[in-house]
C-alpha atoms as a PDB file:
ATOM      1  CA  MET A   1       0.047  -0.033  -0.079  1.00  0.00           C
ATOM      2  CA  THR A   2       1.145   3.621  -0.593  1.00  0.00           C
ATOM      3  CA  GLU A   3       3.582   5.163   1.743  1.00  0.00           C
ATOM      4  CA  ASN A   4       1.964   8.531   0.732  1.00  0.00           C
ATOM      5  CA  ARG A   5       0.189   9.764   4.048  1.00  0.00           C
ATOM      6  CA  ASP A   6      -1.388  12.846   2.677  1.00  0.00           C
ATOM      7  CA  ILE A   7      -5.155  13.486   3.453  1.00  0.00           C
ATOM      8  CA  TRP A   8      -7.133  15.764   0.963  1.00  0.00           C
ATOM      9  CA  VAL A   9      -9.882  17.876   2.247  1.00  0.00           C
ATOM     10  CA  TYR A  10     -12.559  18.808  -0.504  1.00  0.00           C
ATOM     11  CA  VAL A  11     -13.520  22.197  -0.102  1.00  0.00           C
ATOM     12  CA  GLU A  12     -16.976  22.825  -1.606  1.00  0.00           C
ATOM     13  CA  THR A  13     -17.880  26.286  -2.720  1.00  0.00           C
ATOM     14  CA  ASP A  14     -21.104  28.038  -3.836  1.00  0.00           C
ATOM     15  CA  GLN A  15     -20.676  30.829  -6.136  1.00  0.00           C
ATOM     16  CA  GLY A  16     -17.076  31.201  -5.098  1.00  0.00           C
ATOM     17  CA  LYS A  17     -17.874  31.180  -1.461  1.00  0.00           C
ATOM     18  CA  ILE A  18     -16.600  28.329   0.788  1.00  0.00           C
ATOM     19  CA  VAL A  19     -19.246  26.185   2.255  1.00  0.00           C
ATOM     20  CA  LYS A  20     -18.421  26.366   6.008  1.00  0.00           C
ATOM     21  CA  SER A  21     -18.879  22.628   6.672  1.00  0.00           C
ATOM     22  CA  SER A  22     -15.868  22.034   4.420  1.00  0.00           C
ATOM     23  CA  LEU A  23     -13.628  23.882   6.925  1.00  0.00           C
ATOM     24  CA  GLU A  24     -14.700  21.617   9.568  1.00  0.00           C
ATOM     25  CA  LEU A  25     -12.819  18.886   8.212  1.00  0.00           C
ATOM     26  CA  PHE A  26      -9.622  20.309   8.540  1.00  0.00           C
ATOM     27  CA  THR A  27      -9.760  19.656  12.308  1.00  0.00           C
ATOM     28  CA  PRO A  28      -9.758  15.828  12.031  1.00  0.00           C
ATOM     29  CA  ALA A  29      -7.513  15.826   9.008  1.00  0.00           C
ATOM     30  CA  LEU A  30      -5.001  17.714  10.878  1.00  0.00           C
ATOM     31  CA  GLU A  31      -5.323  15.718  13.904  1.00  0.00           C
ATOM     32  CA  MET A  32      -4.647  12.365  11.614  1.00  0.00           C
ATOM     33  CA  THR A  33      -1.909  13.727   9.739  1.00  0.00           C
ATOM     34  CA  GLY A  34      -0.281  14.837  12.758  1.00  0.00           C
ATOM     35  CA  LYS A  35       0.045  11.345  13.824  1.00  0.00           C
ATOM     36  CA  THR A  36       1.283   9.723  10.442  1.00  0.00           C
ATOM     37  CA  GLY A  37       3.528  12.711   9.121  1.00  0.00           C
ATOM     38  CA  GLY A  38       1.366  13.490   6.193  1.00  0.00           C
ATOM     39  CA  GLN A  39       0.141  16.763   4.680  1.00  0.00           C
ATOM     40  CA  VAL A  40      -3.318  18.186   4.654  1.00  0.00           C
ATOM     41  CA  THR A  41      -4.110  19.259   1.092  1.00  0.00           C
ATOM     42  CA  ALA A  42      -7.145  21.336   0.118  1.00  0.00           C
ATOM     43  CA  VAL A  43      -8.786  20.676  -3.014  1.00  0.00           C
ATOM     44  CA  ILE A  44     -11.150  23.191  -4.480  1.00  0.00           C
ATOM     45  CA  LEU A  45     -13.417  23.121  -7.542  1.00  0.00           C
ATOM     46  CA  GLY A  46     -15.747  25.707  -8.910  1.00  0.00           C
ATOM     47  CA  SER A  47     -15.858  29.231 -10.708  1.00  0.00           C
ATOM     48  CA  ASN A  48     -14.385  32.288  -9.019  1.00  0.00           C
ATOM     49  CA  ILE A  49     -12.399  30.379  -6.628  1.00  0.00           C
ATOM     50  CA  GLU A  50      -9.176  32.288  -6.647  1.00  0.00           C
ATOM     51  CA  GLU A  51      -9.581  34.320  -3.581  1.00  0.00           C
ATOM     52  CA  ALA A  52     -11.146  31.294  -1.628  1.00  0.00           C
ATOM     53  CA  ALA A  53      -8.168  29.067  -2.400  1.00  0.00           C
ATOM     54  CA  LYS A  54      -5.862  31.831  -1.088  1.00  0.00           C
ATOM     55  CA  THR A  55      -7.515  31.637   2.438  1.00  0.00           C
ATOM     56  CA  LEU A  56      -7.142  27.759   2.976  1.00  0.00           C
ATOM     57  CA  GLY A  57      -3.684  28.028   4.338  1.00  0.00           C
ATOM     58  CA  GLN A  58      -5.125  29.774   7.156  1.00  0.00           C
ATOM     59  CA  TYR A  59      -7.116  26.597   8.207  1.00  0.00           C
ATOM     60  CA  GLY A  60      -4.028  24.464   8.367  1.00  0.00           C
ATOM     61  CA  ALA A  61      -3.670  23.341   4.490  1.00  0.00           C
ATOM     62  CA  GLY A  62      -0.121  22.840   3.590  1.00  0.00           C
ATOM     63  CA  LYS A  63      -1.062  22.808   0.030  1.00  0.00           C
ATOM     64  CA  VAL A  64      -4.180  23.846  -2.182  1.00  0.00           C
ATOM     65  CA  ILE A  65      -4.898  22.343  -5.445  1.00  0.00           C
ATOM     66  CA  ALA A  66      -7.627  24.329  -7.464  1.00  0.00           C
ATOM     67  CA  ALA A  67      -9.388  23.614 -10.631  1.00  0.00           C
ATOM     68  CA  ARG A  68     -11.828  25.992 -12.648  1.00  0.00           C
ATOM     69  CA  THR A  69     -14.755  23.721 -13.288  1.00  0.00           C
ATOM     70  CA  GLY A  70     -17.562  26.043 -13.323  1.00  0.00           C
ATOM     71  CA  GLU A  71     -20.550  25.763 -11.013  1.00  0.00           C
ATOM     72  CA  TYR A  72     -21.560  22.420  -9.563  1.00  0.00           C
ATOM     73  CA  CYS A  73     -22.349  19.521 -11.962  1.00  0.00           C
ATOM     74  CA  PRO A  74     -21.875  15.975 -10.931  1.00  0.00           C
ATOM     75  CA  GLU A  75     -20.364  14.838 -14.311  1.00  0.00           C
ATOM     76  CA  ALA A  76     -17.681  17.528 -14.300  1.00  0.00           C
ATOM     77  CA  TYR A  77     -16.786  17.521 -10.817  1.00  0.00           C
ATOM     78  CA  THR A  78     -16.467  13.558 -10.859  1.00  0.00           C
ATOM     79  CA  ALA A  79     -14.268  13.789 -13.885  1.00  0.00           C
ATOM     80  CA  ALA A  80     -11.944  16.643 -12.215  1.00  0.00           C
ATOM     81  CA  MET A  81     -11.528  14.957  -9.003  1.00  0.00           C
ATOM     82  CA  ALA A  82     -10.674  11.596 -10.572  1.00  0.00           C
ATOM     83  CA  GLN A  83      -8.104  13.086 -12.730  1.00  0.00           C
ATOM     84  CA  LEU A  84      -6.571  15.055  -9.707  1.00  0.00           C
ATOM     85  CA  ILE A  85      -6.639  11.901  -7.515  1.00  0.00           C
ATOM     86  CA  ASN A  86      -5.001   9.947 -10.253  1.00  0.00           C
ATOM     87  CA  LYS A  87      -2.233  12.232 -10.551  1.00  0.00           C
ATOM     88  CA  TYR A  88      -1.366  13.128  -7.014  1.00  0.00           C
ATOM     89  CA  LYS A  89      -2.391   9.665  -5.530  1.00  0.00           C
ATOM     90  CA  PRO A  90      -3.380  10.901  -1.822  1.00  0.00           C
ATOM     91  CA  ASP A  91      -4.057   8.348   0.889  1.00  0.00           C
ATOM     92  CA  ALA A  92      -7.572   9.568   1.864  1.00  0.00           C
ATOM     93  CA  VAL A  93     -10.108  12.138   0.671  1.00  0.00           C
ATOM     94  CA  MET A  94     -12.518  13.808   3.124  1.00  0.00           C
ATOM     95  CA  PHE A  95     -15.867  15.419   2.078  1.00  0.00           C
ATOM     96  CA  SER A  96     -18.640  17.056   4.105  1.00  0.00           C
ATOM     97  CA  ALA A  97     -21.794  15.328   3.936  1.00  0.00           C
ATOM     98  CA  THR A  98     -23.407  18.254   1.761  1.00  0.00           C
ATOM     99  CA  ALA A  99     -26.036  17.233  -0.937  1.00  0.00           C
ATOM    100  CA  ASN A 100     -23.826  18.161  -3.713  1.00  0.00           C
ATOM    101  CA  ALA A 101     -20.912  15.937  -2.212  1.00  0.00           C
ATOM    102  CA  LYS A 102     -23.162  12.893  -1.657  1.00  0.00           C
ATOM    103  CA  ASP A 103     -24.574  13.431  -5.237  1.00  0.00           C
ATOM    104  CA  PHE A 104     -21.051  12.807  -6.835  1.00  0.00           C
ATOM    105  CA  VAL A 105     -18.906  11.017  -4.535  1.00  0.00           C
ATOM    106  CA  SER A 106     -20.444   7.629  -5.102  1.00  0.00           C
ATOM    107  CA  LYS A 107     -19.854   8.273  -8.908  1.00  0.00           C
ATOM    108  CA  LEU A 108     -16.257   9.209  -7.971  1.00  0.00           C
ATOM    109  CA  ALA A 109     -15.642   6.105  -5.876  1.00  0.00           C
ATOM    110  CA  CYS A 110     -16.905   4.031  -8.936  1.00  0.00           C
ATOM    111  CA  ARG A 111     -14.672   5.805 -11.377  1.00  0.00           C
ATOM    112  CA  ILE A 112     -11.429   5.452  -9.487  1.00  0.00           C
ATOM    113  CA  LYS A 113     -12.392   2.061  -8.167  1.00  0.00           C
ATOM    114  CA  THR A 114     -12.332   2.443  -4.324  1.00  0.00           C
ATOM    115  CA  GLY A 115     -14.766   2.600  -1.572  1.00  0.00           C
ATOM    116  CA  VAL A 116     -16.529   5.538   0.280  1.00  0.00           C
ATOM    117  CA  THR A 117     -18.047   5.492   3.795  1.00  0.00           C
ATOM    118  CA  ALA A 118     -21.062   7.900   4.070  1.00  0.00           C
ATOM    119  CA  ASN A 119     -22.343  10.005   6.959  1.00  0.00           C
ATOM    120  CA  CYS A 120     -19.364   9.524   9.445  1.00  0.00           C
ATOM    121  CA  THR A 121     -19.480  10.912  13.001  1.00  0.00           C
ATOM    122  CA  GLU A 122     -16.119   9.682  14.311  1.00  0.00           C
ATOM    123  CA  LEU A 123     -12.520   9.171  12.662  1.00  0.00           C
ATOM    124  CA  SER A 124      -9.398   7.728  14.030  1.00  0.00           C
ATOM    125  CA  ILE A 125      -6.222   6.433  12.232  1.00  0.00           C
ATOM    126  CA  ASP A 126      -3.350   3.857  12.669  1.00  0.00           C
ATOM    127  CA  PRO A 127      -0.204   5.941  12.898  1.00  0.00           C
ATOM    128  CA  GLU A 128       1.714   3.144  11.336  1.00  0.00           C
ATOM    129  CA  THR A 129      -0.367   2.178   8.320  1.00  0.00           C
ATOM    130  CA  GLY A 130      -2.494   5.251   7.832  1.00  0.00           C
ATOM    131  CA  LEU A 131      -5.554   3.208   7.822  1.00  0.00           C
ATOM    132  CA  ILE A 132      -8.520   5.223   8.825  1.00  0.00           C
ATOM    133  CA  SER A 133     -11.409   3.972  10.829  1.00  0.00           C
ATOM    134  CA  TRP A 134     -14.639   5.684   9.552  1.00  0.00           C
ATOM    135  CA  MET A 135     -17.194   5.459  12.272  1.00  0.00           C
ATOM    136  CA  MET A 136     -20.999   5.775  11.645  1.00  0.00           C
ATOM    137  CA  PRO A 137     -24.293   5.034  13.603  1.00  0.00           C
ATOM    138  CA  ALA A 138     -26.001   1.840  12.410  1.00  0.00           C
ATOM    139  CA  PRO A 139     -29.446   0.283  12.864  1.00  0.00           C
ATOM    140  CA  GLY A 140     -29.831  -1.317  16.300  1.00  0.00           C
ATOM    141  CA  GLY A 141     -28.057   1.555  18.161  1.00  0.00           C
ATOM    142  CA  ILE A 142     -24.527   0.325  17.357  1.00  0.00           C
ATOM    143  CA  VAL A 143     -21.592   2.363  15.863  1.00  0.00           C
ATOM    144  CA  ALA A 144     -20.045   0.664  12.676  1.00  0.00           C
ATOM    145  CA  THR A 145     -16.496   0.990  11.922  1.00  0.00           C
ATOM    146  CA  ILE A 146     -15.194   0.807   8.255  1.00  0.00           C
ATOM    147  CA  LEU A 147     -11.925   0.112   7.049  1.00  0.00           C
ATOM    148  CA  CYS A 148     -10.796   0.473   3.441  1.00  0.00           C
ATOM    149  CA  GLU A 149      -7.764  -1.912   3.805  1.00  0.00           C
ATOM    150  CA  LYS A 150      -7.314  -2.861   0.145  1.00  0.00           C
ATOM    151  CA  THR A 151      -7.706   0.256  -2.232  1.00  0.00           C
ATOM    152  CA  ARG A 152      -6.803   3.876  -2.117  1.00  0.00           C
ATOM    153  CA  PRO A 153      -7.574   6.445  -1.576  1.00  0.00           C
ATOM    154  CA  GLN A 154      -9.651   5.947   1.610  1.00  0.00           C
ATOM    155  CA  MET A 155     -12.750   8.046   1.014  1.00  0.00           C
ATOM    156  CA  GLY A 156     -15.566   9.198   3.363  1.00  0.00           C
ATOM    157  CA  THR A 157     -18.282  11.696   3.986  1.00  0.00           C
ATOM    158  CA  VAL A 158     -18.428  13.330   7.453  1.00  0.00           C
ATOM    159  CA  CYS A 159     -21.599  14.618   9.082  1.00  0.00           C
ATOM    160  CA  GLN A 160     -22.006  18.443   9.094  1.00  0.00           C
ATOM    161  CA  GLY A 161     -21.560  20.064  12.581  1.00  0.00           C
ATOM    162  CA  ILE A 162     -19.607  17.175  14.156  1.00  0.00           C
ATOM    163  CA  PHE A 163     -16.482  19.003  14.224  1.00  0.00           C
ATOM    164  CA  LYS A 164     -15.567  22.711  14.866  1.00  0.00           C
ATOM    165  CA  ALA A 165     -13.562  24.361  12.421  1.00  0.00           C
ATOM    166  CA  PRO A 166     -10.040  25.490  13.237  1.00  0.00           C
ATOM    167  CA  VAL A 167      -9.565  29.149  14.188  1.00  0.00           C
ATOM    168  CA  PRO A 168      -7.990  30.741  11.024  1.00  0.00           C
ATOM    169  CA  ASP A 169      -4.328  31.931  11.346  1.00  0.00           C
ATOM    170  CA  GLU A 170      -3.837  34.872   8.958  1.00  0.00           C
ATOM    171  CA  SER A 171      -0.335  34.584   9.075  1.00  0.00           C
ATOM    172  CA  ARG A 172      -0.273  30.983   7.555  1.00  0.00           C
ATOM    173  CA  GLU A 173      -0.287  30.757   3.654  1.00  0.00           C
ATOM    174  CA  ALA A 174      -0.260  27.726   1.403  1.00  0.00           C
ATOM    175  CA  GLU A 175       0.951  27.036  -1.981  1.00  0.00           C
ATOM    176  CA  VAL A 176      -1.820  27.246  -4.460  1.00  0.00           C
ATOM    177  CA  ILE A 177      -1.609  25.019  -7.479  1.00  0.00           C
ATOM    178  CA  PHE A 178      -3.992  25.653 -10.344  1.00  0.00           C
ATOM    179  CA  GLU A 179      -4.648  22.527 -12.505  1.00  0.00           C
ATOM    180  CA  ASP A 180      -6.102  22.132 -15.621  1.00  0.00           C
ATOM    181  CA  THR A 181      -8.431  19.176 -16.284  1.00  0.00           C
ATOM    182  CA  ASP A 182      -9.938  17.372 -19.049  1.00  0.00           C
ATOM    183  CA  ALA A 183     -13.314  17.328 -17.375  1.00  0.00           C
ATOM    184  CA  VAL A 184     -15.895  19.101 -19.696  1.00  0.00           C
ATOM    185  CA  PRO A 185     -16.972  22.470 -17.713  1.00  0.00           C
ATOM    186  CA  SER A 186     -20.456  22.400 -16.355  1.00  0.00           C
ATOM    187  CA  THR A 187     -21.456  25.114 -18.457  1.00  0.00           C
ATOM    188  CA  GLN A 188     -21.263  22.856 -21.596  1.00  0.00           C
ATOM    189  CA  ILE A 189     -23.410  20.113 -19.971  1.00  0.00           C
ATOM    190  CA  ARG A 190     -27.007  20.337 -20.454  1.00  0.00           C
ATOM    191  CA  ARG A 191     -29.024  18.323 -17.773  1.00  0.00           C
ATOM    192  CA  LEU A 192     -32.690  18.062 -16.947  1.00  0.00           C
ATOM    193  CA  ALA A 193     -33.079  18.409 -13.219  1.00  0.00           C
ATOM    194  CA  LYS A 194     -35.866  18.570 -10.883  1.00  0.00           C
ATOM    195  CA  GLU A 195     -35.778  21.933  -8.879  1.00  0.00           C
ATOM    196  CA  ILE A 196     -36.250  21.547  -5.059  1.00  0.00           C
ATOM    197  CA  ILE A 197     -37.118  24.634  -3.192  1.00  0.00           C
ATOM    198  CA  LYS A 198     -34.922  25.205  -0.387  1.00  0.00           C
ATOM    199  CA  ALA A 199     -36.142  26.438   3.184  1.00  0.00           C
ATOM    200  CA  GLU A 200     -35.840  30.451   3.190  1.00  0.00           C
ATOM    201  CA  LYS A 201     -34.185  30.208   6.422  1.00  0.00           C
ATOM    202  CA  SER A 202     -31.244  27.659   6.800  1.00  0.00           C
ATOM    203  CA  ILE A 203     -31.864  25.138   9.556  1.00  0.00           C
ATOM    204  CA  GLU A 204     -28.107  25.107  10.534  1.00  0.00           C
ATOM    205  CA  ASP A 205     -28.367  28.733  11.634  1.00  0.00           C
ATOM    206  CA  ALA A 206     -31.845  28.591  13.423  1.00  0.00           C
ATOM    207  CA  GLU A 207     -32.013  29.248  17.140  1.00  0.00           C
ATOM    208  CA  ILE A 208     -35.642  27.553  17.287  1.00  0.00           C
ATOM    209  CA  ILE A 209     -36.394  24.488  15.239  1.00  0.00           C
ATOM    210  CA  VAL A 210     -39.673  22.655  15.087  1.00  0.00           C
ATOM    211  CA  ALA A 211     -39.087  19.213  13.654  1.00  0.00           C
ATOM    212  CA  GLY A 212     -41.643  16.621  12.482  1.00  0.00           C
ATOM    213  CA  GLY A 213     -41.394  12.939  12.137  1.00  0.00           C
ATOM    214  CA  TYR A 214     -43.341  10.110  10.260  1.00  0.00           C
ATOM    215  CA  GLY A 215     -45.884  10.554  13.311  1.00  0.00           C
ATOM    216  CA  ALA A 216     -46.684  14.127  12.391  1.00  0.00           C
ATOM    217  CA  ARG A 217     -48.272  13.005   9.219  1.00  0.00           C
ATOM    218  CA  PRO A 218     -48.525  15.376   6.042  1.00  0.00           C
ATOM    219  CA  GLU A 219     -51.434  17.287   7.927  1.00  0.00           C
ATOM    220  CA  GLY A 220     -49.174  17.585  11.027  1.00  0.00           C
ATOM    221  CA  PHE A 221     -46.715  19.676   9.010  1.00  0.00           C
ATOM    222  CA  VAL A 222     -49.131  22.602   8.506  1.00  0.00           C
ATOM    223  CA  LEU A 223     -49.405  22.808  12.329  1.00  0.00           C
ATOM    224  CA  LEU A 224     -45.585  22.751  12.746  1.00  0.00           C
ATOM    225  CA  GLU A 225     -45.301  25.586  10.259  1.00  0.00           C
ATOM    226  CA  GLN A 226     -47.691  27.496  12.350  1.00  0.00           C
ATOM    227  CA  LEU A 227     -45.905  26.790  15.597  1.00  0.00           C
ATOM    228  CA  ALA A 228     -42.431  27.602  14.001  1.00  0.00           C
ATOM    229  CA  ASP A 229     -43.955  31.085  12.792  1.00  0.00           C
ATOM    230  CA  ALA A 230     -45.262  31.859  16.260  1.00  0.00           C
ATOM    231  CA  LEU A 231     -41.926  31.188  17.733  1.00  0.00           C
ATOM    232  CA  GLY A 232     -39.693  32.760  14.940  1.00  0.00           C
ATOM    233  CA  GLY A 233     -38.389  29.507  14.039  1.00  0.00           C
ATOM    234  CA  VAL A 234     -37.890  27.017  11.258  1.00  0.00           C
ATOM    235  CA  VAL A 235     -39.319  23.737  10.410  1.00  0.00           C
ATOM    236  CA  ALA A 236     -37.101  20.656  10.108  1.00  0.00           C
ATOM    237  CA  ALA A 237     -37.773  16.958   9.756  1.00  0.00           C
ATOM    238  CA  SER A 238     -36.453  13.406  10.267  1.00  0.00           C
ATOM    239  CA  ARG A 239     -35.646  11.189   7.374  1.00  0.00           C
ATOM    240  CA  ALA A 240     -38.814   9.380   7.316  1.00  0.00           C
ATOM    241  CA  ALA A 241     -40.946  12.588   6.728  1.00  0.00           C
ATOM    242  CA  VAL A 242     -38.371  13.557   3.820  1.00  0.00           C
ATOM    243  CA  ASP A 243     -38.424  10.076   2.305  1.00  0.00           C
ATOM    244  CA  ALA A 244     -42.388  10.389   2.197  1.00  0.00           C
ATOM    245  CA  ASP A 245     -42.096  13.879   0.368  1.00  0.00           C
ATOM    246  CA  TRP A 246     -43.747  15.617   2.862  1.00  0.00           C
ATOM    247  CA  ILE A 247     -40.848  18.340   3.097  1.00  0.00           C
ATOM    248  CA  ALA A 248     -37.726  19.236   1.190  1.00  0.00           C
ATOM    249  CA  ALA A 249     -34.539  17.411   1.759  1.00  0.00           C
ATOM    250  CA  ASP A 250     -32.637  20.446   2.731  1.00  0.00           C
ATOM    251  CA  ARG A 251     -34.705  20.433   6.090  1.00  0.00           C
ATOM    252  CA  MET A 252     -33.486  16.818   7.072  1.00  0.00           C
ATOM    253  CA  VAL A 253     -31.825  16.551  10.592  1.00  0.00           C
ATOM    254  CA  GLY A 254     -29.671  13.583  11.257  1.00  0.00           C
ATOM    255  CA  GLN A 255     -26.856  11.254  10.113  1.00  0.00           C
ATOM    256  CA  SER A 256     -27.971  11.470   6.281  1.00  0.00           C
ATOM    257  CA  GLY A 257     -28.949  15.081   6.749  1.00  0.00           C
ATOM    258  CA  LYS A 258     -27.726  18.085   8.894  1.00  0.00           C
ATOM    259  CA  VAL A 259     -26.310  18.566  12.302  1.00  0.00           C
ATOM    260  CA  VAL A 260     -28.140  21.426  14.099  1.00  0.00           C
ATOM    261  CA  HIS A 261     -27.419  23.536  17.027  1.00  0.00           C
ATOM    262  CA  PRO A 262     -30.425  25.354  18.030  1.00  0.00           C
ATOM    263  CA  LYS A 263     -31.320  26.859  21.471  1.00  0.00           C
ATOM    264  CA  LEU A 264     -34.726  24.985  21.107  1.00  0.00           C
ATOM    265  CA  TYR A 265     -35.556  21.882  19.257  1.00  0.00           C
ATOM    266  CA  ILE A 266     -39.047  20.684  19.316  1.00  0.00           C
ATOM    267  CA  ALA A 267     -39.480  17.083  18.075  1.00  0.00           C
ATOM    268  CA  CYS A 268     -42.889  16.261  17.049  1.00  0.00           C
ATOM    269  CA  GLY A 269     -43.909  12.681  16.270  1.00  0.00           C
ATOM    270  CA  ILE A 270     -40.342  11.672  16.074  1.00  0.00           C
ATOM    271  CA  SER A 271     -39.432   8.153  17.579  1.00  0.00           C
ATOM    272  CA  GLY A 272     -35.981   9.228  18.189  1.00  0.00           C
ATOM    273  CA  ALA A 273     -33.891   6.674  16.153  1.00  0.00           C
ATOM    274  CA  LEU A 274     -29.983   6.964  16.561  1.00  0.00           C
ATOM    275  CA  GLN A 275     -29.507   8.155  13.089  1.00  0.00           C
ATOM    276  CA  HIS A 276     -31.733  11.235  13.894  1.00  0.00           C
ATOM    277  CA  ILE A 277     -30.383  11.806  17.331  1.00  0.00           C
ATOM    278  CA  VAL A 278     -26.943  12.340  16.060  1.00  0.00           C
ATOM    279  CA  GLY A 279     -27.918  15.429  14.145  1.00  0.00           C
ATOM    280  CA  VAL A 280     -29.436  17.237  17.235  1.00  0.00           C
ATOM    281  CA  ALA A 281     -26.987  19.277  19.340  1.00  0.00           C
ATOM    282  CA  ALA A 282     -29.615  21.766  21.007  1.00  0.00           C
ATOM    283  CA  ASP A 283     -29.439  23.450  24.275  1.00  0.00           C
ATOM    284  CA  CYS A 284     -32.888  22.255  24.992  1.00  0.00           C
ATOM    285  CA  VAL A 285     -35.082  19.278  23.402  1.00  0.00           C
ATOM    286  CA  VAL A 286     -38.564  19.293  23.826  1.00  0.00           C
ATOM    287  CA  ALA A 287     -40.376  15.927  22.697  1.00  0.00           C
ATOM    288  CA  ILE A 288     -44.067  15.552  21.913  1.00  0.00           C
ATOM    289  CA  ASN A 289     -45.281  11.911  21.225  1.00  0.00           C
ATOM    290  CA  ASN A 290     -48.002   9.744  22.053  1.00  0.00           C
ATOM    291  CA  ASP A 291     -45.833   6.679  22.718  1.00  0.00           C
ATOM    292  CA  PRO A 292     -44.568   7.161  26.199  1.00  0.00           C
ATOM    293  CA  ARG A 293     -41.801   4.489  25.357  1.00  0.00           C
ATOM    294  CA  ALA A 294     -40.493   6.498  22.330  1.00  0.00           C
ATOM    295  CA  PRO A 295     -36.693   6.619  22.673  1.00  0.00           C
ATOM    296  CA  ILE A 296     -36.774  10.595  21.954  1.00  0.00           C
ATOM    297  CA  PHE A 297     -37.771  10.910  25.548  1.00  0.00           C
ATOM    298  CA  GLU A 298     -34.449   9.714  26.725  1.00  0.00           C
ATOM    299  CA  ILE A 299     -32.614  12.693  25.236  1.00  0.00           C
ATOM    300  CA  ALA A 300     -35.474  15.276  25.884  1.00  0.00           C
ATOM    301  CA  ASP A 301     -35.083  17.837  28.440  1.00  0.00           C
ATOM    302  CA  TYR A 302     -39.028  18.105  28.669  1.00  0.00           C
ATOM    303  CA  GLY A 303     -41.507  15.471  27.238  1.00  0.00           C
ATOM    304  CA  ILE A 304     -45.051  15.687  26.569  1.00  0.00           C
ATOM    305  CA  VAL A 305     -46.996  12.498  26.019  1.00  0.00           C
ATOM    306  CA  GLY A 306     -50.001  13.070  23.739  1.00  0.00           C
ATOM    307  CA  SER A 307     -51.018  13.560  20.047  1.00  0.00           C
ATOM    308  CA  ILE A 308     -49.353  16.686  18.316  1.00  0.00           C
ATOM    309  CA  PHE A 309     -52.717  17.589  16.995  1.00  0.00           C
ATOM    310  CA  ASP A 310     -53.936  18.082  20.560  1.00  0.00           C
ATOM    311  CA  VAL A 311     -50.776  19.597  21.871  1.00  0.00           C
ATOM    312  CA  ILE A 312     -49.348  21.861  19.094  1.00  0.00           C
ATOM    313  CA  PRO A 313     -52.612  24.037  18.967  1.00  0.00           C
ATOM    314  CA  ALA A 314     -52.415  24.745  22.559  1.00  0.00           C
ATOM    315  CA  LEU A 315     -48.803  25.687  22.434  1.00  0.00           C
ATOM    316  CA  ILE A 316     -49.624  28.194  19.657  1.00  0.00           C
ATOM    317  CA  GLU A 317     -52.371  29.595  21.239  1.00  0.00           C
ATOM    318  CA  GLU A 318     -50.129  30.061  24.565  1.00  0.00           C
ATOM    319  CA  VAL A 319     -47.410  31.657  22.493  1.00  0.00           C
ATOM    320  CA  ARG A 320     -49.496  33.989  20.959  1.00  0.00           C
ATOM    321  CA  LYS A 321     -50.969  35.153  24.152  1.00  0.00           C
ATOM    322  CA  ALA A 322     -47.601  35.546  25.657  1.00  0.00           C
ATOM    323  CA  LYS A 323     -46.837  37.962  22.571  1.00  0.00           C
ATOM    324  CA  GLY A 324     -49.905  39.809  23.418  1.00  0.00           C
END
């Protein structure tokens, strides 16, 4: 196996701006390369990325590889990343588990014939071999550990919000290498796509979140919107509600969605499976469920046993009274 111990951090951009969850990856990457003697390399694709690329040394990147691929397109990004990986041969590549990364990383894994572990919440490394243990919650309340022993690079997506980004050091600079790739620019690829309207307010930045699960049913989300409006918060959901097409995927909280850090998280009709709980890092959790044995009550600061169709209208009324 390769003696190269370099770890790549894929830095996602949106119209030239760095997606902040990408910066979180530098924390585990620096910790692991500190044990193996490797280097952290940032890889940034997109358009208008010149200024963003210059800042990545501040977060610990020893080198930055940049490619002007245009705005996100899975075909173009897969081809560009494959070409860069084949040229530089890193030991591992880390991605934040964003919608775009998850959209193309599986295609990339197939292209370069390696594995990829999705939605990791913990990472560790063997200092001698460089073998990474990618850990993720699995059904049954266990944490699965995935190893990629026979192929390189090792690849995985990491849940957003699990790590904190390093404090930038403006005195640090990294060498920036601009690479030309053979990937067809995204502007030259015509695609038919289904447009999904995203939440007007990002759930990652919300201080109050009202979240619904499968137990809320489609009609329950109308009540959730009303409660969120009354509280000045936003609506989110568990995977079951998203899979049922009751709400857009950008509102999903959990292992396969987003990690949120609100001051108040109101879980409505959510059972509390581990895959959802790993995404909730709230100051206060209130659970509303008609099953007193639901696991959500184990992590709740306050629990209400009852139907959301009885409880939420009462809460809305009390909130509106308090506001006058």
